[in-house]
PDB file of N, CA and C in Angstrom:
ATOM      1  N   MET A   1       0.856  -1.164   0.000  1.00  0.00           N
ATOM      2  CA  MET A   1       0.000   0.000   0.000  1.00  0.00           C
ATOM      3  C   MET A   1       0.899   1.224   0.000  1.00  0.00           C
ATOM      4  N   ARG A   2       0.583   2.130  -0.926  1.00  0.00           N
ATOM      5  CA  ARG A   2       1.430   3.308  -1.071  1.00  0.00           C
ATOM      6  C   ARG A   2       0.608   4.479  -1.603  1.00  0.00           C
ATOM      7  N   GLY A   3       0.862   5.646  -1.041  1.00  0.00           N
ATOM      8  CA  GLY A   3       0.284   6.879  -1.549  1.00  0.00           C
ATOM      9  C   GLY A   3      -1.087   7.194  -0.981  1.00  0.00           C
ATOM     10  N   LEU A   4      -1.422   8.463  -1.054  1.00  0.00           N
ATOM     11  CA  LEU A   4      -2.716   8.967  -0.604  1.00  0.00           C
ATOM     12  C   LEU A   4      -3.351   9.753  -1.728  1.00  0.00           C
ATOM     13  N   GLY A   5      -4.663   9.792  -1.767  1.00  0.00           N
ATOM     14  CA  GLY A   5      -5.334  10.546  -2.818  1.00  0.00           C
ATOM     15  C   GLY A   5      -6.803  10.729  -2.527  1.00  0.00           C
ATOM     16  N   PHE A   6      -7.452  11.383  -3.450  1.00  0.00           N
ATOM     17  CA  PHE A   6      -8.873  11.693  -3.341  1.00  0.00           C
ATOM     18  C   PHE A   6      -9.588  11.186  -4.583  1.00  0.00           C
ATOM     19  N   SER A   7     -10.770  10.672  -4.394  1.00  0.00           N
ATOM     20  CA  SER A   7     -11.560  10.196  -5.530  1.00  0.00           C
ATOM     21  C   SER A   7     -12.917  10.866  -5.530  1.00  0.00           C
ATOM     22  N   PRO A   8     -13.449  11.244  -6.685  1.00  0.00           N
ATOM     23  CA  PRO A   8     -12.842  11.013  -7.987  1.00  0.00           C
ATOM     24  C   PRO A   8     -11.626  11.898  -8.253  1.00  0.00           C
ATOM     25  N   ASN A   9     -11.520  13.051  -7.560  1.00  0.00           N
ATOM     26  CA  ASN A   9     -10.346  13.909  -7.691  1.00  0.00           C
ATOM     27  C   ASN A   9     -10.340  14.903  -6.535  1.00  0.00           C
ATOM     28  N   ARG A  10      -9.265  15.651  -6.403  1.00  0.00           N
ATOM     29  CA  ARG A  10      -9.122  16.602  -5.293  1.00  0.00           C
ATOM     30  C   ARG A  10     -10.094  17.779  -5.392  1.00  0.00           C
ATOM     31  N   ARG A  11     -10.459  18.150  -6.594  1.00  0.00           N
ATOM     32  CA  ARG A  11     -11.367  19.294  -6.770  1.00  0.00           C
ATOM     33  C   ARG A  11     -12.800  18.962  -6.378  1.00  0.00           C
ATOM     34  N   SER A  12     -13.140  17.693  -6.441  1.00  0.00           N
ATOM     35  CA  SER A  12     -14.496  17.254  -6.115  1.00  0.00           C
ATOM     36  C   SER A  12     -14.423  15.933  -5.337  1.00  0.00           C
ATOM     37  N   PRO A  13     -13.788  15.960  -4.149  1.00  0.00           N
ATOM     38  CA  PRO A  13     -13.518  14.703  -3.448  1.00  0.00           C
ATOM     39  C   PRO A  13     -14.766  14.097  -2.795  1.00  0.00           C
ATOM     40  N   ARG A  14     -14.866  12.801  -2.923  1.00  0.00           N
ATOM     41  CA  ARG A  14     -15.894  12.053  -2.180  1.00  0.00           C
ATOM     42  C   ARG A  14     -15.258  11.098  -1.193  1.00  0.00           C
ATOM     43  N   ILE A  15     -14.043  10.628  -1.532  1.00  0.00           N
ATOM     44  CA  ILE A  15     -13.336   9.774  -0.585  1.00  0.00           C
ATOM     45  C   ILE A  15     -11.858  10.157  -0.515  1.00  0.00           C
ATOM     46  N   PHE A  16     -11.284   9.901   0.641  1.00  0.00           N
ATOM     47  CA  PHE A  16      -9.853  10.025   0.881  1.00  0.00           C
ATOM     48  C   PHE A  16      -9.349   8.595   0.959  1.00  0.00           C
ATOM     49  N   ARG A  17      -8.297   8.278   0.203  1.00  0.00           N
ATOM     50  CA  ARG A  17      -7.917   6.878   0.057  1.00  0.00           C
ATOM     51  C   ARG A  17      -6.412   6.666   0.059  1.00  0.00           C
ATOM     52  N   ALA A  18      -6.048   5.422   0.371  1.00  0.00           N
ATOM     53  CA  ALA A  18      -4.662   4.972   0.234  1.00  0.00           C
ATOM     54  C   ALA A  18      -4.610   4.067  -0.988  1.00  0.00           C
ATOM     55  N   GLY A  19      -3.557   4.180  -1.740  1.00  0.00           N
ATOM     56  CA  GLY A  19      -3.413   3.361  -2.940  1.00  0.00           C
ATOM     57  C   GLY A  19      -3.007   1.934  -2.609  1.00  0.00           C
ATOM     58  N   VAL A  20      -3.442   1.012  -3.426  1.00  0.00           N
ATOM     59  CA  VAL A  20      -3.090  -0.406  -3.278  1.00  0.00           C
ATOM     60  C   VAL A  20      -2.352  -0.833  -4.537  1.00  0.00           C
ATOM     61  N   GLU A  21      -1.119  -1.273  -4.351  1.00  0.00           N
ATOM     62  CA  GLU A  21      -0.345  -1.829  -5.460  1.00  0.00           C
ATOM     63  C   GLU A  21      -0.559  -3.331  -5.415  1.00  0.00           C
ATOM     64  N   ALA A  22      -1.298  -3.835  -6.379  1.00  0.00           N
ATOM     65  CA  ALA A  22      -1.722  -5.237  -6.331  1.00  0.00           C
ATOM     66  C   ALA A  22      -1.219  -6.002  -7.552  1.00  0.00           C
ATOM     67  N   PRO A  23      -1.098  -7.314  -7.396  1.00  0.00           N
ATOM     68  CA  PRO A  23      -0.713  -8.139  -8.543  1.00  0.00           C
ATOM     69  C   PRO A  23      -1.846  -8.179  -9.572  1.00  0.00           C
ATOM     70  N   PRO A  24      -1.557  -8.555 -10.799  1.00  0.00           N
ATOM     71  CA  PRO A  24      -2.568  -8.586 -11.856  1.00  0.00           C
ATOM     72  C   PRO A  24      -3.773  -9.466 -11.517  1.00  0.00           C
ATOM     73  N   GLU A  25      -3.572 -10.452 -10.659  1.00  0.00           N
ATOM     74  CA  GLU A  25      -4.672 -11.347 -10.310  1.00  0.00           C
ATOM     75  C   GLU A  25      -5.827 -10.611  -9.643  1.00  0.00           C
ATOM     76  N   LEU A  26      -5.538  -9.503  -8.949  1.00  0.00           N
ATOM     77  CA  LEU A  26      -6.618  -8.745  -8.313  1.00  0.00           C
ATOM     78  C   LEU A  26      -7.507  -8.085  -9.361  1.00  0.00           C
ATOM     79  N   ALA A  27      -6.891  -7.558 -10.417  1.00  0.00           N
ATOM     80  CA  ALA A  27      -7.672  -6.974 -11.514  1.00  0.00           C
ATOM     81  C   ALA A  27      -8.504  -8.049 -12.207  1.00  0.00           C
ATOM     82  N   THR A  28      -7.941  -9.240 -12.334  1.00  0.00           N
ATOM     83  CA  THR A  28      -8.682 -10.355 -12.938  1.00  0.00           C
ATOM     84  C   THR A  28      -9.879 -10.721 -12.072  1.00  0.00           C
ATOM     85  N   LEU A  29      -9.685 -10.770 -10.763  1.00  0.00           N
ATOM     86  CA  LEU A  29     -10.786 -11.058  -9.842  1.00  0.00           C
ATOM     87  C   LEU A  29     -11.884 -10.002  -9.981  1.00  0.00           C
ATOM     88  N   ALA A  30     -11.494  -8.737 -10.060  1.00  0.00           N
ATOM     89  CA  ALA A  30     -12.477  -7.664 -10.217  1.00  0.00           C
ATOM     90  C   ALA A  30     -13.249  -7.814 -11.523  1.00  0.00           C
ATOM     91  N   LYS A  31     -12.534  -8.113 -12.599  1.00  0.00           N
ATOM     92  CA  LYS A  31     -13.175  -8.284 -13.913  1.00  0.00           C
ATOM     93  C   LYS A  31     -14.149  -9.461 -13.891  1.00  0.00           C
ATOM     94  N   ASP A  32     -13.735 -10.569 -13.288  1.00  0.00           N
ATOM     95  CA  ASP A  32     -14.607 -11.740 -13.191  1.00  0.00           C
ATOM     96  C   ASP A  32     -15.846 -11.440 -12.347  1.00  0.00           C
ATOM     97  N   THR A  33     -15.665 -10.664 -11.302  1.00  0.00           N
ATOM     98  CA  THR A  33     -16.798 -10.283 -10.445  1.00  0.00           C
ATOM     99  C   THR A  33     -17.802  -9.450 -11.227  1.00  0.00           C
ATOM    100  N   VAL A  34     -17.302  -8.481 -11.981  1.00  0.00           N
ATOM    101  CA  VAL A  34     -18.180  -7.636 -12.798  1.00  0.00           C
ATOM    102  C   VAL A  34     -18.942  -8.484 -13.818  1.00  0.00           C
ATOM    103  N   SER A  35     -18.248  -9.424 -14.460  1.00  0.00           N
ATOM    104  CA  SER A  35     -18.898 -10.290 -15.449  1.00  0.00           C
ATOM    105  C   SER A  35     -19.997 -11.128 -14.822  1.00  0.00           C
ATOM    106  N   THR A  36     -19.728 -11.680 -13.664  1.00  0.00           N
ATOM    107  CA  THR A  36     -20.722 -12.507 -12.976  1.00  0.00           C
ATOM    108  C   THR A  36     -21.916 -11.671 -12.542  1.00  0.00           C
ATOM    109  N   LEU A  37     -21.667 -10.484 -12.022  1.00  0.00           N
ATOM    110  CA  LEU A  37     -22.768  -9.619 -11.594  1.00  0.00           C
ATOM    111  C   LEU A  37     -23.614  -9.158 -12.778  1.00  0.00           C
ATOM    112  N   ALA A  38     -22.977  -8.946 -13.922  1.00  0.00           N
ATOM    113  CA  ALA A  38     -23.718  -8.554 -15.126  1.00  0.00           C
ATOM    114  C   ALA A  38     -24.718  -9.632 -15.511  1.00  0.00           C
ATOM    115  N   LYS A  39     -24.341 -10.901 -15.344  1.00  0.00           N
ATOM    116  CA  LYS A  39     -25.252 -12.005 -15.648  1.00  0.00           C
ATOM    117  C   LYS A  39     -26.470 -12.005 -14.728  1.00  0.00           C
ATOM    118  N   LEU A  40     -26.321 -11.364 -13.564  1.00  0.00           N
ATOM    119  CA  LEU A  40     -27.431 -11.252 -12.617  1.00  0.00           C
ATOM    120  C   LEU A  40     -28.237  -9.972 -12.823  1.00  0.00           C
ATOM    121  N   GLY A  41     -27.862  -9.200 -13.853  1.00  0.00           N
ATOM    122  CA  GLY A  41     -28.589  -7.971 -14.158  1.00  0.00           C
ATOM    123  C   GLY A  41     -28.072  -6.738 -13.442  1.00  0.00           C
ATOM    124  N   ILE A  42     -26.921  -6.831 -12.815  1.00  0.00           N
ATOM    125  CA  ILE A  42     -26.341  -5.686 -12.112  1.00  0.00           C
ATOM    126  C   ILE A  42     -25.412  -4.950 -13.060  1.00  0.00           C
ATOM    127  N   GLU A  43     -25.693  -3.675 -13.260  1.00  0.00           N
ATOM    128  CA  GLU A  43     -24.917  -2.851 -14.183  1.00  0.00           C
ATOM    129  C   GLU A  43     -23.471  -2.728 -13.724  1.00  0.00           C
ATOM    130  N   PRO A  44     -22.531  -2.800 -14.657  1.00  0.00           N
ATOM    131  CA  PRO A  44     -21.123  -2.647 -14.275  1.00  0.00           C
ATOM    132  C   PRO A  44     -20.809  -1.205 -13.879  1.00  0.00           C
ATOM    133  N   GLU A  45     -19.805  -1.060 -13.067  1.00  0.00           N
ATOM    134  CA  GLU A  45     -19.317   0.248 -12.639  1.00  0.00           C
ATOM    135  C   GLU A  45     -18.793   0.992 -13.857  1.00  0.00           C
ATOM    136  N   SER A  46     -19.110   2.280 -13.969  1.00  0.00           N
ATOM    137  CA  SER A  46     -18.655   3.053 -15.126  1.00  0.00           C
ATOM    138  C   SER A  46     -17.214   3.547 -14.952  1.00  0.00           C
ATOM    139  N   ARG A  47     -16.751   3.639 -13.714  1.00  0.00           N
ATOM    140  CA  ARG A  47     -15.383   4.102 -13.461  1.00  0.00           C
ATOM    141  C   ARG A  47     -14.392   2.958 -13.634  1.00  0.00           C
ATOM    142  N   ALA A  48     -13.180   3.320 -13.997  1.00  0.00           N
ATOM    143  CA  ALA A  48     -12.120   2.327 -14.156  1.00  0.00           C
ATOM    144  C   ALA A  48     -11.787   1.696 -12.803  1.00  0.00           C
ATOM    145  N   TYR A  49     -11.389   0.440 -12.827  1.00  0.00           N
ATOM    146  CA  TYR A  49     -11.008  -0.266 -11.608  1.00  0.00           C
ATOM    147  C   TYR A  49      -9.752   0.368 -11.025  1.00  0.00           C
ATOM    148  N   SER A  50      -9.792   0.687  -9.755  1.00  0.00           N
ATOM    149  CA  SER A  50      -8.659   1.309  -9.080  1.00  0.00           C
ATOM    150  C   SER A  50      -8.615   0.792  -7.644  1.00  0.00           C
ATOM    151  N   PRO A  51      -7.786  -0.229  -7.379  1.00  0.00           N
ATOM    152  CA  PRO A  51      -7.754  -0.784  -6.022  1.00  0.00           C
ATOM    153  C   PRO A  51      -7.276   0.263  -5.025  1.00  0.00           C
ATOM    154  N   HIS A  52      -7.958   0.332  -3.894  1.00  0.00           N
ATOM    155  CA  HIS A  52      -7.628   1.313  -2.869  1.00  0.00           C
ATOM    156  C   HIS A  52      -8.242   0.900  -1.539  1.00  0.00           C
ATOM    157  N   LEU A  53      -7.821   1.584  -0.499  1.00  0.00           N
ATOM    158  CA  LEU A  53      -8.410   1.436   0.822  1.00  0.00           C
ATOM    159  C   LEU A  53      -9.038   2.774   1.167  1.00  0.00           C
ATOM    160  N   THR A  54     -10.350   2.797   1.352  1.00  0.00           N
ATOM    161  CA  THR A  54     -11.030   4.034   1.711  1.00  0.00           C
ATOM    162  C   THR A  54     -10.703   4.366   3.162  1.00  0.00           C
ATOM    163  N   LEU A  55     -10.136   5.552   3.374  1.00  0.00           N
ATOM    164  CA  LEU A  55      -9.791   6.004   4.716  1.00  0.00           C
ATOM    165  C   LEU A  55     -10.885   6.888   5.303  1.00  0.00           C
ATOM    166  N   ALA A  56     -11.566   7.658   4.443  1.00  0.00           N
ATOM    167  CA  ALA A  56     -12.643   8.540   4.910  1.00  0.00           C
ATOM    168  C   ALA A  56     -13.554   8.892   3.747  1.00  0.00           C
ATOM    169  N   ARG A  57     -14.806   9.095   4.059  1.00  0.00           N
ATOM    170  CA  ARG A  57     -15.766   9.603   3.080  1.00  0.00           C
ATOM    171  C   ARG A  57     -15.964  11.085   3.366  1.00  0.00           C
ATOM    172  N   ILE A  58     -16.040  11.865   2.305  1.00  0.00           N
ATOM    173  CA  ILE A  58     -16.148  13.317   2.443  1.00  0.00           C
ATOM    174  C   ILE A  58     -17.543  13.738   2.018  1.00  0.00           C
ATOM    175  N   LYS A  59     -18.333  14.238   2.978  1.00  0.00           N
ATOM    176  CA  LYS A  59     -19.696  14.668   2.668  1.00  0.00           C
ATOM    177  C   LYS A  59     -19.729  16.110   2.188  1.00  0.00           C
ATOM    178  N   LYS A  60     -18.957  16.978   2.855  1.00  0.00           N
ATOM    179  CA  LYS A  60     -18.917  18.395   2.491  1.00  0.00           C
ATOM    180  C   LYS A  60     -17.460  18.785   2.261  1.00  0.00           C
ATOM    181  N   PRO A  61     -17.084  19.063   1.018  1.00  0.00           N
ATOM    182  CA  PRO A  61     -15.670  19.337   0.729  1.00  0.00           C
ATOM    183  C   PRO A  61     -15.197  20.744   1.093  1.00  0.00           C
ATOM    184  N   GLN A  62     -16.017  21.530   1.757  1.00  0.00           N
ATOM    185  CA  GLN A  62     -15.599  22.878   2.139  1.00  0.00           C
ATOM    186  C   GLN A  62     -14.627  22.823   3.319  1.00  0.00           C
ATOM    187  N   GLY A  63     -13.682  23.754   3.337  1.00  0.00           N
ATOM    188  CA  GLY A  63     -12.754  23.890   4.452  1.00  0.00           C
ATOM    189  C   GLY A  63     -11.683  22.814   4.530  1.00  0.00           C
ATOM    190  N   LEU A  64     -11.367  22.185   3.424  1.00  0.00           N
ATOM    191  CA  LEU A  64     -10.385  21.103   3.442  1.00  0.00           C
ATOM    192  C   LEU A  64      -8.954  21.565   3.174  1.00  0.00           C
ATOM    193  N   ALA A  65      -8.752  22.859   2.936  1.00  0.00           N
ATOM    194  CA  ALA A  65      -7.405  23.344   2.590  1.00  0.00           C
ATOM    195  C   ALA A  65      -6.354  22.931   3.621  1.00  0.00           C
ATOM    196  N   PRO A  66      -6.597  23.077   4.931  1.00  0.00           N
ATOM    197  CA  PRO A  66      -5.575  22.631   5.896  1.00  0.00           C
ATOM    198  C   PRO A  66      -5.299  21.125   5.803  1.00  0.00           C
ATOM    199  N   PHE A  67      -6.347  20.352   5.564  1.00  0.00           N
ATOM    200  CA  PHE A  67      -6.190  18.901   5.423  1.00  0.00           C
ATOM    201  C   PHE A  67      -5.363  18.580   4.190  1.00  0.00           C
ATOM    202  N   TYR A  68      -5.660  19.241   3.066  1.00  0.00           N
ATOM    203  CA  TYR A  68      -4.880  19.037   1.847  1.00  0.00           C
ATOM    204  C   TYR A  68      -3.407  19.330   2.103  1.00  0.00           C
ATOM    205  N   GLY A  69      -3.131  20.388   2.863  1.00  0.00           N
ATOM    206  CA  GLY A  69      -1.754  20.746   3.174  1.00  0.00           C
ATOM    207  C   GLY A  69      -1.042  19.638   3.934  1.00  0.00           C
ATOM    208  N   LYS A  70      -1.707  19.066   4.913  1.00  0.00           N
ATOM    209  CA  LYS A  70      -1.113  17.973   5.690  1.00  0.00           C
ATOM    210  C   LYS A  70      -0.870  16.743   4.819  1.00  0.00           C
ATOM    211  N   VAL A  71      -1.821  16.443   3.938  1.00  0.00           N
ATOM    212  CA  VAL A  71      -1.661  15.290   3.042  1.00  0.00           C
ATOM    213  C   VAL A  71      -0.457  15.523   2.126  1.00  0.00           C
ATOM    214  N   GLU A  72      -0.300  16.737   1.612  1.00  0.00           N
ATOM    215  CA  GLU A  72       0.843  17.039   0.747  1.00  0.00           C
ATOM    216  C   GLU A  72       2.155  16.912   1.502  1.00  0.00           C
ATOM    217  N   GLU A  73       2.170  17.294   2.781  1.00  0.00           N
ATOM    218  CA  GLU A  73       3.383  17.169   3.595  1.00  0.00           C
ATOM    219  C   GLU A  73       3.825  15.706   3.702  1.00  0.00           C
ATOM    220  N   LEU A  74       2.880  14.803   3.711  1.00  0.00           N
ATOM    221  CA  LEU A  74       3.190  13.380   3.834  1.00  0.00           C
ATOM    222  C   LEU A  74       3.829  12.812   2.571  1.00  0.00           C
ATOM    223  N   GLY A  75       3.622  13.492   1.448  1.00  0.00           N
ATOM    224  CA  GLY A  75       4.194  13.014   0.191  1.00  0.00           C
ATOM    225  C   GLY A  75       3.525  11.736  -0.268  1.00  0.00           C
ATOM    226  N   ASN A  76       4.339  10.743  -0.590  1.00  0.00           N
ATOM    227  CA  ASN A  76       3.850   9.467  -1.107  1.00  0.00           C
ATOM    228  C   ASN A  76       4.220   8.353  -0.114  1.00  0.00           C
ATOM    229  N   PRO A  77       3.552   8.310   1.054  1.00  0.00           N
ATOM    230  CA  PRO A  77       3.970   7.352   2.079  1.00  0.00           C
ATOM    231  C   PRO A  77       3.781   5.904   1.670  1.00  0.00           C
ATOM    232  N   ASP A  78       4.698   5.077   2.152  1.00  0.00           N
ATOM    233  CA  ASP A  78       4.628   3.636   1.928  1.00  0.00           C
ATOM    234  C   ASP A  78       4.103   3.029   3.223  1.00  0.00           C
ATOM    235  N   PHE A  79       2.968   2.356   3.150  1.00  0.00           N
ATOM    236  CA  PHE A  79       2.332   1.786   4.330  1.00  0.00           C
ATOM    237  C   PHE A  79       2.707   0.323   4.546  1.00  0.00           C
ATOM    238  N   GLY A  80       3.611  -0.189   3.751  1.00  0.00           N
ATOM    239  CA  GLY A  80       4.012  -1.577   3.889  1.00  0.00           C
ATOM    240  C   GLY A  80       3.212  -2.483   2.980  1.00  0.00           C
ATOM    241  N   SER A  81       3.374  -3.776   3.183  1.00  0.00           N
ATOM    242  CA  SER A  81       2.690  -4.734   2.333  1.00  0.00           C
ATOM    243  C   SER A  81       2.248  -5.934   3.157  1.00  0.00           C
ATOM    244  N   PHE A  82       1.375  -6.706   2.569  1.00  0.00           N
ATOM    245  CA  PHE A  82       0.922  -7.943   3.192  1.00  0.00           C
ATOM    246  C   PHE A  82       0.399  -8.845   2.089  1.00  0.00           C
ATOM    247  N   GLU A  83       0.315 -10.108   2.371  1.00  0.00           N
ATOM    248  CA  GLU A  83      -0.230 -11.059   1.407  1.00  0.00           C
ATOM    249  C   GLU A  83      -1.590 -11.523   1.899  1.00  0.00           C
ATOM    250  N   ALA A  84      -2.569 -11.403   1.033  1.00  0.00           N
ATOM    251  CA  ALA A  84      -3.921 -11.831   1.380  1.00  0.00           C
ATOM    252  C   ALA A  84      -4.117 -13.283   0.965  1.00  0.00           C
ATOM    253  N   ASP A  85      -4.716 -14.065   1.850  1.00  0.00           N
ATOM    254  CA  ASP A  85      -5.008 -15.457   1.512  1.00  0.00           C
ATOM    255  C   ASP A  85      -6.507 -15.729   1.457  1.00  0.00           C
ATOM    256  N   ARG A  86      -7.294 -14.652   1.658  1.00  0.00           N
ATOM    257  CA  ARG A  86      -8.753 -14.778   1.610  1.00  0.00           C
ATOM    258  C   ARG A  86      -9.368 -13.394   1.438  1.00  0.00           C
ATOM    259  N   PHE A  87     -10.614 -13.373   1.065  1.00  0.00           N
ATOM    260  CA  PHE A  87     -11.356 -12.121   1.051  1.00  0.00           C
ATOM    261  C   PHE A  87     -12.788 -12.416   1.461  1.00  0.00           C
ATOM    262  N   PHE A  88     -13.508 -11.369   1.778  1.00  0.00           N
ATOM    263  CA  PHE A  88     -14.864 -11.499   2.287  1.00  0.00           C
ATOM    264  C   PHE A  88     -15.835 -10.711   1.425  1.00  0.00           C
ATOM    265  N   LEU A  89     -17.024 -11.246   1.269  1.00  0.00           N
ATOM    266  CA  LEU A  89     -18.110 -10.544   0.592  1.00  0.00           C
ATOM    267  C   LEU A  89     -18.939  -9.857   1.673  1.00  0.00           C
ATOM    268  N   TYR A  90     -19.094  -8.549   1.540  1.00  0.00           N
ATOM    269  CA  TYR A  90     -19.860  -7.775   2.500  1.00  0.00           C
ATOM    270  C   TYR A  90     -21.088  -7.176   1.839  1.00  0.00           C
ATOM    271  N   GLN A  91     -22.124  -7.022   2.625  1.00  0.00           N
ATOM    272  CA  GLN A  91     -23.301  -6.269   2.207  1.00  0.00           C
ATOM    273  C   GLN A  91     -23.203  -4.917   2.896  1.00  0.00           C
ATOM    274  N   SER A  92     -23.359  -3.851   2.133  1.00  0.00           N
ATOM    275  CA  SER A  92     -23.312  -2.501   2.662  1.00  0.00           C
ATOM    276  C   SER A  92     -24.725  -1.934   2.671  1.00  0.00           C
ATOM    277  N   THR A  93     -25.192  -1.538   3.833  1.00  0.00           N
ATOM    278  CA  THR A  93     -26.513  -0.938   3.967  1.00  0.00           C
ATOM    279  C   THR A  93     -26.331   0.506   4.395  1.00  0.00           C
ATOM    280  N   LEU A  94     -26.752   1.435   3.532  1.00  0.00           N
ATOM    281  CA  LEU A  94     -26.610   2.854   3.846  1.00  0.00           C
ATOM    282  C   LEU A  94     -27.703   3.284   4.816  1.00  0.00           C
ATOM    283  N   LYS A  95     -27.277   3.954   5.893  1.00  0.00           N
ATOM    284  CA  LYS A  95     -28.210   4.478   6.891  1.00  0.00           C
ATOM    285  C   LYS A  95     -27.832   5.920   7.180  1.00  0.00           C
ATOM    286  N   THR A  96     -28.722   6.662   7.785  1.00  0.00           N
ATOM    287  CA  THR A  96     -28.450   8.076   8.039  1.00  0.00           C
ATOM    288  C   THR A  96     -27.235   8.282   8.935  1.00  0.00           C
ATOM    289  N   GLY A  97     -26.970   7.371   9.854  1.00  0.00           N
ATOM    290  CA  GLY A  97     -25.822   7.487  10.740  1.00  0.00           C
ATOM    291  C   GLY A  97     -24.544   6.921  10.158  1.00  0.00           C
ATOM    292  N   GLY A  98     -24.600   6.405   8.952  1.00  0.00           N
ATOM    293  CA  GLY A  98     -23.433   5.812   8.310  1.00  0.00           C
ATOM    294  C   GLY A  98     -23.768   4.432   7.783  1.00  0.00           C
ATOM    295  N   SER A  99     -22.848   3.850   7.067  1.00  0.00           N
ATOM    296  CA  SER A  99     -23.062   2.534   6.479  1.00  0.00           C
ATOM    297  C   SER A  99     -22.933   1.439   7.532  1.00  0.00           C
ATOM    298  N   VAL A 100     -23.716   0.389   7.344  1.00  0.00           N
ATOM    299  CA  VAL A 100     -23.609  -0.810   8.170  1.00  0.00           C
ATOM    300  C   VAL A 100     -23.142  -1.929   7.248  1.00  0.00           C
ATOM    301  N   TYR A 101     -22.059  -2.598   7.643  1.00  0.00           N
ATOM    302  CA  TYR A 101     -21.482  -3.650   6.822  1.00  0.00           C
ATOM    303  C   TYR A 101     -21.730  -5.009   7.476  1.00  0.00           C
ATOM    304  N   THR A 102     -22.246  -5.944   6.676  1.00  0.00           N
ATOM    305  CA  THR A 102     -22.530  -7.286   7.154  1.00  0.00           C
ATOM    306  C   THR A 102     -21.719  -8.279   6.333  1.00  0.00           C
ATOM    307  N   LYS A 103     -20.876  -9.071   7.013  1.00  0.00           N
ATOM    308  CA  LYS A 103     -20.074 -10.068   6.326  1.00  0.00           C
ATOM    309  C   LYS A 103     -20.987 -11.215   5.896  1.00  0.00           C
ATOM    310  N   LEU A 104     -20.994 -11.514   4.580  1.00  0.00           N
ATOM    311  CA  LEU A 104     -21.854 -12.564   4.054  1.00  0.00           C
ATOM    312  C   LEU A 104     -21.134 -13.888   3.827  1.00  0.00           C
ATOM    313  N   LYS A 105     -19.885 -13.803   3.328  1.00  0.00           N
ATOM    314  CA  LYS A 105     -19.184 -15.036   2.976  1.00  0.00           C
ATOM    315  C   LYS A 105     -17.682 -14.791   2.929  1.00  0.00           C
ATOM    316  N   GLU A 106     -16.925 -15.846   3.207  1.00  0.00           N
ATOM    317  CA  GLU A 106     -15.469 -15.818   3.134  1.00  0.00           C
ATOM    318  C   GLU A 106     -15.015 -16.683   1.965  1.00  0.00           C
ATOM    319  N   TYR A 107     -14.033 -16.176   1.211  1.00  0.00           N
ATOM    320  CA  TYR A 107     -13.475 -16.899   0.076  1.00  0.00           C
ATOM    321  C   TYR A 107     -11.977 -17.047   0.271  1.00  0.00           C
ATOM    322  N   MET A 108     -11.478 -18.249   0.135  1.00  0.00           N
ATOM    323  CA  MET A 108     -10.037 -18.503   0.232  1.00  0.00           C
ATOM    324  C   MET A 108      -9.399 -18.265  -1.138  1.00  0.00           C
ATOM    325  N   LEU A 109      -8.203 -17.760  -1.138  1.00  0.00           N
ATOM    326  CA  LEU A 109      -7.480 -17.524  -2.392  1.00  0.00           C
ATOM    327  C   LEU A 109      -6.458 -18.629  -2.628  1.00  0.00           C
TER     328      LEU A 109
END
């Protein structure tokens, strides 16, 4: 994991994220997931696949200049690495107080 950024971009941020440098197999898994979901009638994501770890969601982007300054001071931090041997399927339920995540299934890699 390396680097910090904003999505979709700094001028109109919705999330603050850390970058994930992943092997090609992760992109293949994402592509296969999209294909399988399409067969179930779920529309594919219009944005390009970009592995990341969401650190914060930004509801109101006003007053972020001091935060942007601190992020720039950090440069391109390296958060280390790890090897994943499994992943989990979660259901995300949006609520007024925030999202509720429910683990549905575990998959071994």
